[in-house]
Amino acid sequence: MDSSWLSRISSAIFLYNNGKITMILYYPKMGEILICNYNGFKEPEMVKIRPVVVISPKHRSGSRLCTVVPLSTTTPIPQKDYHYLLKLERKLPKPFDSSTCWVKADMINTVSLDRLDLIRCGKIQGKRNYFRAKVTKDQLQEIQQSIKNALGIK
């Protein structure tokens, strides 16, 4: 992979967030779509900022960990049974700019809430505007099946 391309994407997302790396201040709901900062991971792990779907329920113990599955706007080659084409009701904002994403269920991760943030859509009348979306119950079941396929669980 061309590292200059990755650097440009990371820079674009950093600028997209007004140069600030922030985090959510609540425990997200299962099925919620957020942004995850994978910076600090090592290739071939996920190493960039990308949208994710929360797949874990809220922990009762007050844990600041959350399990997520990343999304990609690039069609996987070859497509496997652990990939799932997710069709969103609304298009993701730039720089992702798509209403369809591929769930990369083979890249499931448990991450700190410090890595997660809402997806920003700019400002309206000086106030931050966020992209808020959740997958449907049926989509969440398809994502869970894709995860089982990735883990070899029948």
N, C-alpha and C. Protein backbone atom coordinates (compact mmCIF):
# COMPACT_ATOMS: atom_id res chain seq x y z
N MET A 1 0.85 -1.19 0.00
CA MET A 1 0.00 0.00 0.00
C MET A 1 0.88 1.24 0.00
N ASP A 2 0.50 2.23 -0.76
CA ASP A 2 1.23 3.48 -0.86
C ASP A 2 1.05 4.26 0.44
N SER A 3 2.13 4.44 1.21
CA SER A 3 2.03 5.10 2.51
C SER A 3 1.68 6.59 2.37
N SER A 4 2.01 7.21 1.23
CA SER A 4 1.65 8.63 1.06
C SER A 4 0.13 8.77 0.94
N TRP A 5 -0.53 7.78 0.33
CA TRP A 5 -1.99 7.80 0.23
C TRP A 5 -2.59 7.71 1.63
N LEU A 6 -2.06 6.80 2.45
CA LEU A 6 -2.55 6.62 3.81
C LEU A 6 -2.34 7.90 4.61
N SER A 7 -1.21 8.53 4.43
CA SER A 7 -0.92 9.78 5.13
C SER A 7 -1.90 10.88 4.73
N ARG A 8 -2.21 10.96 3.42
CA ARG A 8 -3.18 11.97 2.96
C ARG A 8 -4.56 11.73 3.55
N ILE A 9 -5.00 10.46 3.59
CA ILE A 9 -6.31 10.14 4.16
C ILE A 9 -6.34 10.49 5.63
N SER A 10 -5.30 10.09 6.38
CA SER A 10 -5.24 10.40 7.81
C SER A 10 -5.25 11.91 8.04
N SER A 11 -4.51 12.64 7.21
CA SER A 11 -4.48 14.10 7.32
C SER A 11 -5.85 14.70 7.00
N ALA A 12 -6.51 14.16 5.98
CA ALA A 12 -7.83 14.66 5.60
C ALA A 12 -8.82 14.46 6.73
N ILE A 13 -8.77 13.31 7.37
CA ILE A 13 -9.70 13.05 8.47
C ILE A 13 -9.33 13.90 9.66
N PHE A 14 -8.04 14.09 9.92
CA PHE A 14 -7.61 14.95 11.02
C PHE A 14 -8.13 16.36 10.80
N LEU A 15 -8.00 16.86 9.56
CA LEU A 15 -8.52 18.20 9.25
C LEU A 15 -10.04 18.20 9.29
N TYR A 16 -10.65 17.11 8.85
CA TYR A 16 -12.10 16.96 8.87
C TYR A 16 -12.62 17.15 10.29
N ASN A 17 -11.86 16.71 11.27
CA ASN A 17 -12.23 16.87 12.67
C ASN A 17 -11.64 18.15 13.27
N ASN A 18 -11.38 19.14 12.41
CA ASN A 18 -10.86 20.44 12.83
C ASN A 18 -9.54 20.32 13.58
N GLY A 19 -8.74 19.33 13.22
CA GLY A 19 -7.44 19.19 13.82
C GLY A 19 -7.45 18.67 15.24
N LYS A 20 -8.61 18.18 15.71
CA LYS A 20 -8.69 17.70 17.08
C LYS A 20 -9.05 16.23 17.10
N ILE A 21 -8.34 15.50 17.92
CA ILE A 21 -8.69 14.11 18.16
C ILE A 21 -9.53 14.12 19.42
N THR A 22 -10.79 13.77 19.26
CA THR A 22 -11.71 13.80 20.39
C THR A 22 -12.21 12.39 20.66
N MET A 23 -13.12 12.26 21.61
CA MET A 23 -13.68 10.95 21.93
C MET A 23 -15.12 11.13 22.40
N ILE A 24 -15.85 10.04 22.36
CA ILE A 24 -17.22 10.10 22.85
C ILE A 24 -17.20 10.11 24.37
N LEU A 25 -18.24 10.67 24.96
CA LEU A 25 -18.31 10.79 26.41
C LEU A 25 -19.41 9.90 26.99
N TYR A 26 -19.82 8.89 26.24
CA TYR A 26 -20.88 7.99 26.70
C TYR A 26 -20.58 6.60 26.14
N TYR A 27 -21.25 5.59 26.67
CA TYR A 27 -21.08 4.25 26.12
C TYR A 27 -22.04 4.09 24.94
N PRO A 28 -21.53 3.79 23.74
CA PRO A 28 -22.39 3.74 22.56
C PRO A 28 -23.32 2.53 22.56
N LYS A 29 -24.41 2.68 21.82
CA LYS A 29 -25.39 1.60 21.70
C LYS A 29 -24.95 0.61 20.63
N MET A 30 -25.34 -0.63 20.82
CA MET A 30 -25.06 -1.67 19.84
C MET A 30 -25.71 -1.26 18.52
N GLY A 31 -24.93 -1.36 17.43
CA GLY A 31 -25.43 -1.00 16.10
C GLY A 31 -25.15 0.44 15.70
N GLU A 32 -24.66 1.26 16.63
CA GLU A 32 -24.35 2.66 16.34
C GLU A 32 -23.13 2.75 15.42
N ILE A 33 -23.17 3.69 14.49
CA ILE A 33 -22.04 3.92 13.58
C ILE A 33 -21.26 5.12 14.09
N LEU A 34 -19.97 4.89 14.34
CA LEU A 34 -19.07 5.92 14.86
C LEU A 34 -17.80 5.95 14.01
N ILE A 35 -16.86 6.79 14.41
CA ILE A 35 -15.54 6.82 13.79
C ILE A 35 -14.56 6.24 14.81
N CYS A 36 -13.59 5.47 14.35
CA CYS A 36 -12.58 4.89 15.25
C CYS A 36 -11.19 5.28 14.76
N ASN A 37 -10.38 5.73 15.69
CA ASN A 37 -9.00 6.10 15.40
C ASN A 37 -8.11 4.91 15.72
N TYR A 38 -7.72 4.17 14.68
CA TYR A 38 -6.87 3.00 14.83
C TYR A 38 -5.38 3.35 14.84
N ASN A 39 -5.04 4.63 14.82
CA ASN A 39 -3.63 5.02 14.83
C ASN A 39 -2.92 4.38 16.03
N GLY A 40 -1.73 3.87 15.80
CA GLY A 40 -0.97 3.21 16.84
C GLY A 40 -1.00 1.70 16.72
N PHE A 41 -1.94 1.16 15.95
CA PHE A 41 -1.95 -0.27 15.67
C PHE A 41 -0.83 -0.53 14.65
N LYS A 42 -0.49 -1.75 14.41
CA LYS A 42 0.58 -2.11 13.48
C LYS A 42 0.01 -2.89 12.30
N GLU A 43 0.44 -2.54 11.08
CA GLU A 43 0.02 -3.29 9.90
C GLU A 43 0.47 -4.74 10.04
N PRO A 44 -0.32 -5.72 9.68
CA PRO A 44 -1.51 -5.65 8.84
C PRO A 44 -2.81 -5.39 9.61
N GLU A 45 -2.72 -4.97 10.89
CA GLU A 45 -3.91 -4.57 11.62
C GLU A 45 -4.47 -3.30 10.97
N MET A 46 -5.65 -2.93 11.36
CA MET A 46 -6.24 -1.68 10.90
C MET A 46 -5.37 -0.55 11.46
N VAL A 47 -4.97 0.42 10.63
CA VAL A 47 -4.04 1.45 11.10
C VAL A 47 -4.51 2.87 10.80
N LYS A 48 -5.73 3.03 10.33
CA LYS A 48 -6.16 4.39 10.01
C LYS A 48 -7.50 4.69 10.66
N ILE A 49 -7.97 5.88 10.46
CA ILE A 49 -9.26 6.30 11.00
C ILE A 49 -10.34 5.87 10.02
N ARG A 50 -11.38 5.20 10.55
CA ARG A 50 -12.46 4.76 9.67
C ARG A 50 -13.75 4.57 10.44
N PRO A 51 -14.87 4.54 9.71
CA PRO A 51 -16.16 4.29 10.38
C PRO A 51 -16.23 2.85 10.88
N VAL A 52 -16.98 2.67 11.97
CA VAL A 52 -17.16 1.35 12.56
C VAL A 52 -18.61 1.19 13.03
N VAL A 53 -19.01 -0.07 13.21
CA VAL A 53 -20.29 -0.38 13.82
C VAL A 53 -20.00 -0.99 15.18
N VAL A 54 -20.67 -0.49 16.21
CA VAL A 54 -20.53 -1.02 17.56
C VAL A 54 -21.29 -2.34 17.61
N ILE A 55 -20.62 -3.40 18.07
CA ILE A 55 -21.29 -4.70 18.12
C ILE A 55 -21.42 -5.26 19.53
N SER A 56 -20.88 -4.56 20.51
CA SER A 56 -20.97 -5.05 21.89
C SER A 56 -22.09 -4.33 22.64
N PRO A 57 -22.72 -5.05 23.57
CA PRO A 57 -23.70 -4.39 24.42
C PRO A 57 -22.98 -3.55 25.47
N LYS A 58 -23.71 -2.69 26.12
CA LYS A 58 -23.11 -1.87 27.18
C LYS A 58 -22.65 -2.77 28.32
N HIS A 59 -21.41 -2.54 28.76
CA HIS A 59 -20.87 -3.30 29.88
C HIS A 59 -21.42 -2.73 31.18
N ARG A 60 -21.87 -3.60 32.05
CA ARG A 60 -22.43 -3.16 33.34
C ARG A 60 -21.35 -2.74 34.32
N SER A 61 -20.14 -3.22 34.12
CA SER A 61 -19.07 -2.96 35.07
C SER A 61 -18.45 -1.57 34.93
N GLY A 62 -18.96 -0.76 34.00
CA GLY A 62 -18.38 0.56 33.78
C GLY A 62 -17.13 0.52 32.93
N SER A 63 -16.93 -0.58 32.21
CA SER A 63 -15.76 -0.72 31.36
C SER A 63 -15.73 0.37 30.30
N ARG A 64 -14.54 0.82 29.96
CA ARG A 64 -14.38 1.82 28.89
C ARG A 64 -13.92 1.14 27.61
N LEU A 65 -14.27 -0.14 27.45
CA LEU A 65 -13.95 -0.90 26.25
C LEU A 65 -15.22 -1.18 25.46
N CYS A 66 -15.05 -1.24 24.14
CA CYS A 66 -16.17 -1.44 23.25
C CYS A 66 -15.70 -2.27 22.06
N THR A 67 -16.51 -3.23 21.62
CA THR A 67 -16.13 -4.06 20.48
C THR A 67 -16.78 -3.49 19.22
N VAL A 68 -15.97 -3.33 18.19
CA VAL A 68 -16.42 -2.70 16.94
C VAL A 68 -15.96 -3.53 15.75
N VAL A 69 -16.64 -3.32 14.63
CA VAL A 69 -16.23 -3.91 13.37
C VAL A 69 -16.09 -2.76 12.37
N PRO A 70 -14.94 -2.69 11.67
CA PRO A 70 -14.71 -1.56 10.77
C PRO A 70 -15.49 -1.67 9.45
N LEU A 71 -15.71 -0.51 8.85
CA LEU A 71 -16.38 -0.39 7.56
C LEU A 71 -15.39 0.13 6.52
N SER A 72 -15.58 -0.30 5.28
CA SER A 72 -14.74 0.16 4.19
C SER A 72 -15.62 0.50 2.99
N THR A 73 -15.27 1.54 2.27
CA THR A 73 -16.00 1.87 1.04
C THR A 73 -15.41 1.14 -0.17
N THR A 74 -14.33 0.41 0.03
CA THR A 74 -13.68 -0.33 -1.05
C THR A 74 -14.20 -1.78 -1.07
N THR A 75 -14.61 -2.23 -2.23
CA THR A 75 -15.08 -3.61 -2.38
C THR A 75 -13.92 -4.58 -2.15
N PRO A 76 -14.09 -5.56 -1.24
CA PRO A 76 -13.00 -6.51 -1.00
C PRO A 76 -12.79 -7.45 -2.18
N ILE A 77 -11.53 -7.74 -2.47
CA ILE A 77 -11.20 -8.69 -3.54
C ILE A 77 -10.24 -9.70 -2.93
N PRO A 78 -10.62 -10.96 -2.86
CA PRO A 78 -11.93 -11.51 -3.22
C PRO A 78 -12.93 -11.30 -2.09
N GLN A 79 -14.21 -11.33 -2.42
CA GLN A 79 -15.25 -11.24 -1.40
C GLN A 79 -15.37 -12.58 -0.70
N LYS A 80 -15.47 -12.52 0.62
CA LYS A 80 -15.56 -13.73 1.44
C LYS A 80 -16.86 -13.70 2.25
N ASP A 81 -17.15 -14.82 2.92
CA ASP A 81 -18.38 -14.88 3.71
C ASP A 81 -18.31 -14.04 4.99
N TYR A 82 -17.14 -13.48 5.29
CA TYR A 82 -17.03 -12.58 6.43
C TYR A 82 -17.09 -11.11 6.01
N HIS A 83 -17.38 -10.84 4.76
CA HIS A 83 -17.65 -9.48 4.28
C HIS A 83 -19.17 -9.34 4.12
N TYR A 84 -19.67 -8.17 4.44
CA TYR A 84 -21.10 -7.92 4.31
C TYR A 84 -21.31 -6.53 3.74
N LEU A 85 -22.10 -6.43 2.68
CA LEU A 85 -22.39 -5.13 2.07
C LEU A 85 -23.50 -4.45 2.86
N LEU A 86 -23.15 -3.38 3.54
CA LEU A 86 -24.07 -2.63 4.39
C LEU A 86 -24.62 -1.45 3.60
N LYS A 87 -25.93 -1.40 3.44
CA LYS A 87 -26.58 -0.28 2.75
C LYS A 87 -27.19 0.64 3.79
N LEU A 88 -26.70 1.87 3.81
CA LEU A 88 -27.15 2.86 4.80
C LEU A 88 -28.31 3.69 4.25
N GLU A 89 -29.17 4.15 5.15
CA GLU A 89 -30.29 5.01 4.75
C GLU A 89 -29.78 6.36 4.24
N ARG A 90 -28.69 6.84 4.84
CA ARG A 90 -28.09 8.11 4.44
C ARG A 90 -26.62 7.90 4.10
N LYS A 91 -26.13 8.72 3.22
CA LYS A 91 -24.73 8.67 2.80
C LYS A 91 -23.83 9.15 3.94
N LEU A 92 -22.74 8.43 4.16
CA LEU A 92 -21.73 8.89 5.12
C LEU A 92 -21.15 10.21 4.62
N PRO A 93 -20.83 11.13 5.52
CA PRO A 93 -20.25 12.41 5.08
C PRO A 93 -18.81 12.23 4.58
N LYS A 94 -18.31 13.27 3.91
CA LYS A 94 -16.93 13.27 3.43
C LYS A 94 -16.00 13.13 4.62
N PRO A 95 -14.91 12.44 4.50
CA PRO A 95 -14.27 11.96 3.29
C PRO A 95 -14.74 10.58 2.84
N PHE A 96 -15.68 9.96 3.54
CA PHE A 96 -16.13 8.61 3.20
C PHE A 96 -17.14 8.64 2.06
N ASP A 97 -18.12 9.55 2.14
CA ASP A 97 -18.99 9.92 1.02
C ASP A 97 -19.63 8.73 0.30
N SER A 98 -20.30 7.85 1.06
CA SER A 98 -20.91 6.68 0.44
C SER A 98 -22.12 6.23 1.25
N SER A 99 -23.10 5.65 0.56
CA SER A 99 -24.26 5.09 1.25
C SER A 99 -24.15 3.56 1.34
N THR A 100 -23.06 3.01 0.80
CA THR A 100 -22.79 1.57 0.95
C THR A 100 -21.37 1.39 1.47
N CYS A 101 -21.23 0.45 2.38
CA CYS A 101 -19.93 0.14 2.97
C CYS A 101 -19.82 -1.36 3.13
N TRP A 102 -18.60 -1.83 3.11
CA TRP A 102 -18.34 -3.24 3.36
C TRP A 102 -17.95 -3.42 4.81
N VAL A 103 -18.64 -4.31 5.50
CA VAL A 103 -18.26 -4.68 6.86
C VAL A 103 -17.07 -5.62 6.75
N LYS A 104 -16.00 -5.31 7.47
CA LYS A 104 -14.78 -6.12 7.47
C LYS A 104 -14.77 -6.93 8.77
N ALA A 105 -15.62 -7.97 8.80
CA ALA A 105 -15.83 -8.73 10.02
C ALA A 105 -14.61 -9.53 10.45
N ASP A 106 -13.65 -9.70 9.57
CA ASP A 106 -12.40 -10.36 9.94
C ASP A 106 -11.47 -9.43 10.72
N MET A 107 -11.85 -8.16 10.85
CA MET A 107 -11.02 -7.16 11.53
C MET A 107 -11.67 -6.66 12.82
N ILE A 108 -12.49 -7.49 13.45
CA ILE A 108 -13.17 -7.14 14.70
C ILE A 108 -12.13 -6.74 15.76
N ASN A 109 -12.44 -5.70 16.56
CA ASN A 109 -11.52 -5.24 17.60
C ASN A 109 -12.30 -4.77 18.83
N THR A 110 -11.68 -4.95 19.98
CA THR A 110 -12.16 -4.31 21.20
C THR A 110 -11.23 -3.14 21.45
N VAL A 111 -11.82 -1.95 21.51
CA VAL A 111 -11.03 -0.72 21.62
C VAL A 111 -11.51 0.12 22.80
N SER A 112 -10.67 1.03 23.23
CA SER A 112 -11.03 1.98 24.27
C SER A 112 -12.03 2.99 23.72
N LEU A 113 -12.92 3.46 24.57
CA LEU A 113 -13.84 4.52 24.14
C LEU A 113 -13.08 5.77 23.72
N ASP A 114 -11.84 5.90 24.18
CA ASP A 114 -11.01 7.05 23.80
C ASP A 114 -10.72 7.07 22.30
N ARG A 115 -10.83 5.92 21.63
CA ARG A 115 -10.60 5.84 20.18
C ARG A 115 -11.84 6.18 19.36
N LEU A 116 -12.99 6.28 19.99
CA LEU A 116 -14.26 6.46 19.28
C LEU A 116 -14.77 7.88 19.35
N ASP A 117 -15.40 8.30 18.26
CA ASP A 117 -16.00 9.64 18.22
C ASP A 117 -17.20 9.61 17.28
N LEU A 118 -18.03 10.62 17.41
CA LEU A 118 -19.12 10.80 16.47
C LEU A 118 -18.55 11.25 15.13
N ILE A 119 -19.26 10.98 14.06
CA ILE A 119 -18.82 11.41 12.73
C ILE A 119 -19.33 12.83 12.51
N ARG A 120 -18.41 13.74 12.29
CA ARG A 120 -18.77 15.16 12.13
C ARG A 120 -19.19 15.48 10.71
N CYS A 121 -20.17 16.39 10.62
CA CYS A 121 -20.69 16.82 9.31
C CYS A 121 -20.54 18.32 9.12
N GLY A 122 -19.65 18.95 9.85
CA GLY A 122 -19.50 20.40 9.73
C GLY A 122 -20.31 21.12 10.78
N LYS A 123 -20.67 22.36 10.46
CA LYS A 123 -21.43 23.19 11.43
C LYS A 123 -22.67 23.76 10.77
N ILE A 124 -23.69 23.92 11.59
CA ILE A 124 -24.92 24.59 11.18
C ILE A 124 -25.17 25.69 12.20
N GLN A 125 -25.21 26.93 11.73
CA GLN A 125 -25.38 28.10 12.58
C GLN A 125 -24.39 28.10 13.74
N GLY A 126 -23.12 27.75 13.44
CA GLY A 126 -22.06 27.79 14.43
C GLY A 126 -22.02 26.59 15.37
N LYS A 127 -22.99 25.67 15.24
CA LYS A 127 -23.00 24.49 16.11
C LYS A 127 -22.55 23.27 15.34
N ARG A 128 -21.78 22.42 16.00
CA ARG A 128 -21.33 21.19 15.35
C ARG A 128 -22.52 20.32 14.96
N ASN A 129 -22.41 19.73 13.78
CA ASN A 129 -23.45 18.83 13.28
C ASN A 129 -22.82 17.44 13.14
N TYR A 130 -23.53 16.42 13.60
CA TYR A 130 -23.00 15.07 13.57
C TYR A 130 -23.87 14.14 12.75
N PHE A 131 -23.22 13.19 12.09
CA PHE A 131 -23.90 12.12 11.38
C PHE A 131 -24.27 11.08 12.43
N ARG A 132 -25.55 10.87 12.62
CA ARG A 132 -26.02 9.89 13.60
C ARG A 132 -26.74 8.79 12.85
N ALA A 133 -26.27 7.57 13.01
CA ALA A 133 -26.92 6.46 12.33
C ALA A 133 -26.71 5.19 13.12
N LYS A 134 -27.63 4.27 12.91
CA LYS A 134 -27.59 2.96 13.54
C LYS A 134 -28.00 1.95 12.50
N VAL A 135 -27.39 0.78 12.52
CA VAL A 135 -27.81 -0.27 11.60
C VAL A 135 -29.13 -0.85 12.10
N THR A 136 -29.88 -1.46 11.20
CA THR A 136 -31.16 -2.08 11.59
C THR A 136 -30.88 -3.40 12.34
N LYS A 137 -31.91 -3.92 12.95
CA LYS A 137 -31.80 -5.20 13.66
C LYS A 137 -31.38 -6.31 12.69
N ASP A 138 -31.98 -6.32 11.49
CA ASP A 138 -31.62 -7.33 10.48
C ASP A 138 -30.16 -7.18 10.03
N GLN A 139 -29.73 -5.94 9.83
CA GLN A 139 -28.34 -5.70 9.44
C GLN A 139 -27.38 -6.14 10.53
N LEU A 140 -27.73 -5.87 11.79
CA LEU A 140 -26.88 -6.28 12.91
C LEU A 140 -26.76 -7.81 12.95
N GLN A 141 -27.84 -8.51 12.67
CA GLN A 141 -27.80 -9.97 12.62
C GLN A 141 -26.89 -10.46 11.49
N GLU A 142 -26.94 -9.79 10.35
CA GLU A 142 -26.05 -10.15 9.22
C GLU A 142 -24.59 -9.89 9.58
N ILE A 143 -24.33 -8.79 10.27
CA ILE A 143 -22.97 -8.47 10.71
C ILE A 143 -22.49 -9.53 11.70
N GLN A 144 -23.35 -9.91 12.64
CA GLN A 144 -22.99 -10.94 13.62
C GLN A 144 -22.69 -12.27 12.92
N GLN A 145 -23.46 -12.61 11.88
CA GLN A 145 -23.20 -13.84 11.14
C GLN A 145 -21.85 -13.76 10.41
N SER A 146 -21.55 -12.59 9.87
CA SER A 146 -20.26 -12.38 9.20
C SER A 146 -19.10 -12.56 10.19
N ILE A 147 -19.29 -12.08 11.42
CA ILE A 147 -18.27 -12.24 12.45
C ILE A 147 -18.09 -13.73 12.78
N LYS A 148 -19.19 -14.44 12.92
CA LYS A 148 -19.11 -15.89 13.16
C LYS A 148 -18.36 -16.58 12.03
N ASN A 149 -18.63 -16.18 10.79
CA ASN A 149 -17.93 -16.76 9.65
C ASN A 149 -16.43 -16.47 9.74
N ALA A 150 -16.08 -15.25 10.13
CA ALA A 150 -14.66 -14.87 10.24
C ALA A 150 -13.95 -15.67 11.32
N LEU A 151 -14.67 -15.99 12.38
CA LEU A 151 -14.09 -16.72 13.51
C LEU A 151 -14.22 -18.24 13.39
N GLY A 152 -14.88 -18.69 12.30
CA GLY A 152 -15.06 -20.12 12.10
C GLY A 152 -16.09 -20.74 13.01
N ILE A 153 -17.03 -19.93 13.50
CA ILE A 153 -18.10 -20.42 14.38
C ILE A 153 -19.31 -20.77 13.53
N LYS A 154 -19.77 -21.99 13.64
CA LYS A 154 -20.92 -22.43 12.84
C LYS A 154 -22.17 -22.48 13.65
